């Protein structure tokens, strides 16, 4: 039994090494620089070993996307937990979302397809951030008793504005934008909160 456990641990360790190597390459060269051969070279394995764990590069991207959404959901939950009022929670959550996009830009790019072809499949981990946001939006709007479609619409109002600002900043890095981004972001969040109260 101990040898089976050891083999399972080694397989999991190799799988994690592959993912870490892939992400390390991306941090250095961007998503366009990622290849199965480069991953193999980085961890000093042969390419066929990589294919034993992941059928292709898209499978690695899907796995990293899932890990990204899990990390984002944890950061959103942490931001939410700092406040009691739902209006303060939603602002903190969107600010954490913004921070995630710029502290882990490569991960954000693969999760949302900014400047790259994103994975064709939606991963189940993407539901966690959505559910966190919509629960707080529902709480803010509870007096008007909104249906799920209205809550979803309000979520996408927030998402469209904030994701749009993030994409603009990732694609067109500009010192001028950096100086006004925080105020634009706070104005947008504040305006949307006022519209749903």
Protein backbone atom coordinates (compact mmCIF):
# COMPACT_ATOMS: atom_id res chain seq x y z
CA UNK A 1 0.00 0.00 0.00
CA UNK A 2 2.84 2.41 0.82
CA UNK A 3 4.34 2.00 -2.66
CA UNK A 4 0.97 2.80 -4.28
CA UNK A 5 0.69 5.93 -2.14
CA UNK A 6 4.23 6.91 -3.10
CA UNK A 7 3.48 6.42 -6.80
CA UNK A 8 0.33 8.53 -6.51
CA UNK A 9 2.27 11.27 -4.72
CA UNK A 10 4.98 11.19 -7.40
CA UNK A 11 2.37 11.43 -10.16
CA UNK A 12 0.71 14.39 -8.46
CA UNK A 13 4.09 16.02 -7.91
CA UNK A 14 5.01 15.55 -11.58
CA UNK A 15 1.63 16.97 -12.65
CA UNK A 16 2.18 20.02 -10.42
CA UNK A 17 5.74 20.41 -11.72
CA UNK A 18 4.39 20.47 -15.28
CA UNK A 19 1.86 23.17 -14.38
CA UNK A 20 4.43 25.23 -12.48
CA UNK A 21 6.88 24.96 -15.39
CA UNK A 22 4.17 26.00 -17.85
CA UNK A 23 3.26 29.03 -15.80
CA UNK A 24 6.92 29.95 -15.30
CA UNK A 25 7.44 29.91 -19.08
CA UNK A 26 4.37 32.08 -19.54
CA UNK A 27 5.64 34.60 -16.98
CA UNK A 28 8.93 34.82 -18.91
CA UNK A 29 7.74 34.60 -22.52
CA UNK A 30 3.99 35.15 -22.56
CA UNK A 31 1.31 32.64 -23.55
CA UNK A 32 2.54 32.54 -27.15
CA UNK A 33 5.86 31.17 -25.87
CA UNK A 34 4.33 28.10 -24.24
CA UNK A 35 4.89 24.71 -25.84
CA UNK A 36 4.94 21.12 -24.65
CA UNK A 37 8.61 20.85 -25.63
CA UNK A 38 9.57 23.93 -23.59
CA UNK A 39 7.74 22.53 -20.58
CA UNK A 40 9.58 19.22 -20.95
CA UNK A 41 12.93 20.99 -21.26
CA UNK A 42 12.23 23.15 -18.20
CA UNK A 43 11.52 20.17 -15.93
CA UNK A 44 14.11 17.99 -17.66
CA UNK A 45 11.65 15.38 -18.90
CA UNK A 46 10.95 14.18 -22.39
CA UNK A 47 7.91 15.56 -24.22
CA UNK A 48 6.14 12.14 -24.23
CA UNK A 49 6.13 12.21 -20.40
CA UNK A 50 4.25 15.53 -20.52
CA UNK A 51 1.67 13.94 -22.82
CA UNK A 52 1.08 11.19 -20.26
CA UNK A 53 -0.33 13.86 -17.95
CA UNK A 54 -1.87 16.33 -20.41
CA UNK A 55 -3.12 15.45 -23.87
CA UNK A 56 -2.16 18.84 -25.33
CA UNK A 57 -1.39 22.44 -24.50
CA UNK A 58 -5.09 23.30 -24.23
CA UNK A 59 -5.44 20.71 -21.44
CA UNK A 60 -2.70 22.53 -19.52
CA UNK A 61 -4.42 25.86 -20.18
CA UNK A 62 -7.71 24.43 -18.90
CA UNK A 63 -6.04 23.21 -15.72
CA UNK A 64 -4.34 26.56 -15.14
CA UNK A 65 -7.63 28.36 -15.82
CA UNK A 66 -9.34 26.30 -13.12
CA UNK A 67 -6.55 27.06 -10.67
CA UNK A 68 -6.84 30.75 -11.52
CA UNK A 69 -10.58 30.83 -10.80
CA UNK A 70 -10.04 29.02 -7.50
CA UNK A 71 -7.39 31.58 -6.50
CA UNK A 72 -9.62 34.48 -7.57
CA UNK A 73 -12.58 33.10 -5.60
CA UNK A 74 -10.41 32.89 -2.45
CA UNK A 75 -9.28 36.48 -2.89
CA UNK A 76 -12.86 37.65 -3.43
CA UNK A 77 -14.05 35.76 -0.35
CA UNK A 78 -11.25 37.31 1.69
CA UNK A 79 -12.15 40.83 0.49
CA UNK A 80 -15.84 40.23 1.23
CA UNK A 81 -15.12 38.97 4.75
CA UNK A 82 -13.54 42.31 5.72
CA UNK A 83 -16.87 44.14 5.58
CA UNK A 84 -20.39 43.70 6.92
CA UNK A 85 -22.38 45.97 4.62
CA UNK A 86 -23.01 44.44 1.17
CA UNK A 87 -22.23 47.76 -0.56
CA UNK A 88 -18.79 47.77 1.04
CA UNK A 89 -18.35 44.07 0.30
CA UNK A 90 -19.07 44.47 -3.42
CA UNK A 91 -16.66 47.39 -3.72
CA UNK A 92 -13.92 45.46 -1.91
CA UNK A 93 -14.56 42.39 -4.06
CA UNK A 94 -14.28 44.33 -7.33
CA UNK A 95 -11.13 46.04 -6.08
CA UNK A 96 -9.70 42.60 -5.24
CA UNK A 97 -10.71 41.45 -8.73
CA UNK A 98 -8.86 44.43 -10.20
CA UNK A 99 -5.78 43.72 -8.08
CA UNK A 100 -5.84 40.06 -9.13
CA UNK A 101 -5.87 41.10 -12.80
CA UNK A 102 -2.72 43.15 -12.39
CA UNK A 103 -0.79 41.08 -9.87
CA UNK A 104 -1.41 37.88 -11.84
CA UNK A 105 -1.92 39.30 -15.33
CA UNK A 106 -0.91 36.16 -17.21
CA UNK A 107 -3.42 34.11 -15.24
CA UNK A 108 -6.13 36.69 -15.85
CA UNK A 109 -5.34 36.61 -19.57
CA UNK A 110 -5.87 32.86 -19.82
CA UNK A 111 -8.97 32.95 -17.63
CA UNK A 112 -10.69 35.63 -19.72
CA UNK A 113 -8.96 35.42 -23.09
CA UNK A 114 -7.29 38.85 -23.04
CA UNK A 115 -4.78 39.05 -25.89
CA UNK A 116 -4.92 35.31 -26.49
CA UNK A 117 -7.19 32.53 -27.58
CA UNK A 118 -8.70 31.35 -24.37
CA UNK A 119 -9.71 27.83 -23.63
CA UNK A 120 -12.79 26.73 -25.54
CA UNK A 121 -14.40 25.06 -22.53
CA UNK A 122 -15.83 26.97 -19.60
CA UNK A 123 -14.39 25.50 -16.42
CA UNK A 124 -16.61 24.75 -13.44
CA UNK A 125 -14.34 26.75 -11.12
CA UNK A 126 -15.46 29.92 -12.96
CA UNK A 127 -18.80 29.65 -11.19
CA UNK A 128 -17.37 30.44 -7.75
CA UNK A 129 -16.48 34.12 -8.40
CA UNK A 130 -19.79 34.62 -10.23
CA UNK A 131 -21.73 33.10 -7.32
CA UNK A 132 -19.88 35.26 -4.77
CA UNK A 133 -20.65 38.44 -6.70
CA UNK A 134 -24.29 37.62 -7.44
CA UNK A 135 -24.98 36.73 -3.79
CA UNK A 136 -23.80 40.16 -2.68
CA UNK A 137 -25.69 41.90 -5.51
CA UNK A 138 -28.85 40.05 -4.44
CA UNK A 139 -28.28 41.25 -0.87
CA UNK A 140 -27.90 44.87 -2.00
CA UNK A 141 -31.08 44.58 -4.08
CA UNK A 142 -33.13 42.54 -1.59
CA UNK A 143 -35.67 45.32 -0.99
CA UNK A 144 -36.71 45.26 -4.65
CA UNK A 145 -36.92 41.45 -4.65
CA UNK A 146 -35.07 40.96 -7.96
CA UNK A 147 -35.26 37.74 -9.94
CA UNK A 148 -32.18 35.77 -11.00
CA UNK A 149 -32.13 37.37 -14.45
CA UNK A 150 -32.02 40.90 -13.00
CA UNK A 151 -29.20 39.92 -10.65
CA UNK A 152 -27.32 38.33 -13.53
CA UNK A 153 -27.79 41.51 -15.60
CA UNK A 154 -26.41 43.65 -12.79
CA UNK A 155 -23.42 41.33 -12.41
CA UNK A 156 -22.65 41.67 -16.11
CA UNK A 157 -22.98 45.45 -15.84
CA UNK A 158 -20.21 45.43 -13.23
CA UNK A 159 -18.19 42.82 -15.11
CA UNK A 160 -18.41 44.63 -18.45
CA UNK A 161 -17.16 47.91 -17.06
CA UNK A 162 -14.40 46.47 -14.86
CA UNK A 163 -13.21 43.81 -17.30
CA UNK A 164 -13.24 46.44 -20.04
CA UNK A 165 -11.01 48.74 -17.98
CA UNK A 166 -8.69 45.84 -17.22
CA UNK A 167 -8.46 44.77 -20.87
CA UNK A 168 -7.75 48.35 -21.99
CA UNK A 169 -4.96 48.57 -19.44
CA UNK A 170 -3.44 45.21 -20.31
CA UNK A 171 -3.50 45.93 -24.04
CA UNK A 172 -2.54 49.64 -23.92
CA UNK A 173 -0.24 50.18 -20.99
CA UNK A 174 -0.03 53.90 -20.41
CA UNK A 175 1.30 56.02 -17.56
CA UNK A 176 -1.58 58.46 -18.07
CA UNK A 177 -4.13 55.68 -17.59
CA UNK A 178 -2.32 54.35 -14.53
CA UNK A 179 -2.72 57.66 -12.74
CA UNK A 180 -6.49 57.85 -13.27
CA UNK A 181 -7.45 54.16 -13.20
CA UNK A 182 -8.19 53.94 -9.52
CA UNK A 183 -10.56 56.89 -9.65
CA UNK A 184 -12.29 55.59 -12.79
CA UNK A 185 -12.69 52.20 -11.15
CA UNK A 186 -14.10 53.62 -7.90
CA UNK A 187 -16.44 55.92 -9.85
CA UNK A 188 -17.71 53.01 -11.94
CA UNK A 189 -18.25 50.73 -8.94
CA UNK A 190 -19.92 53.52 -6.94
CA UNK A 191 -22.19 54.45 -9.84
CA UNK A 192 -23.33 50.89 -10.39
CA UNK A 193 -23.94 50.35 -6.66
CA UNK A 194 -26.13 53.48 -6.57
CA UNK A 195 -28.09 52.22 -9.57
CA UNK A 196 -28.96 48.92 -7.89
CA UNK A 197 -29.81 50.12 -4.37
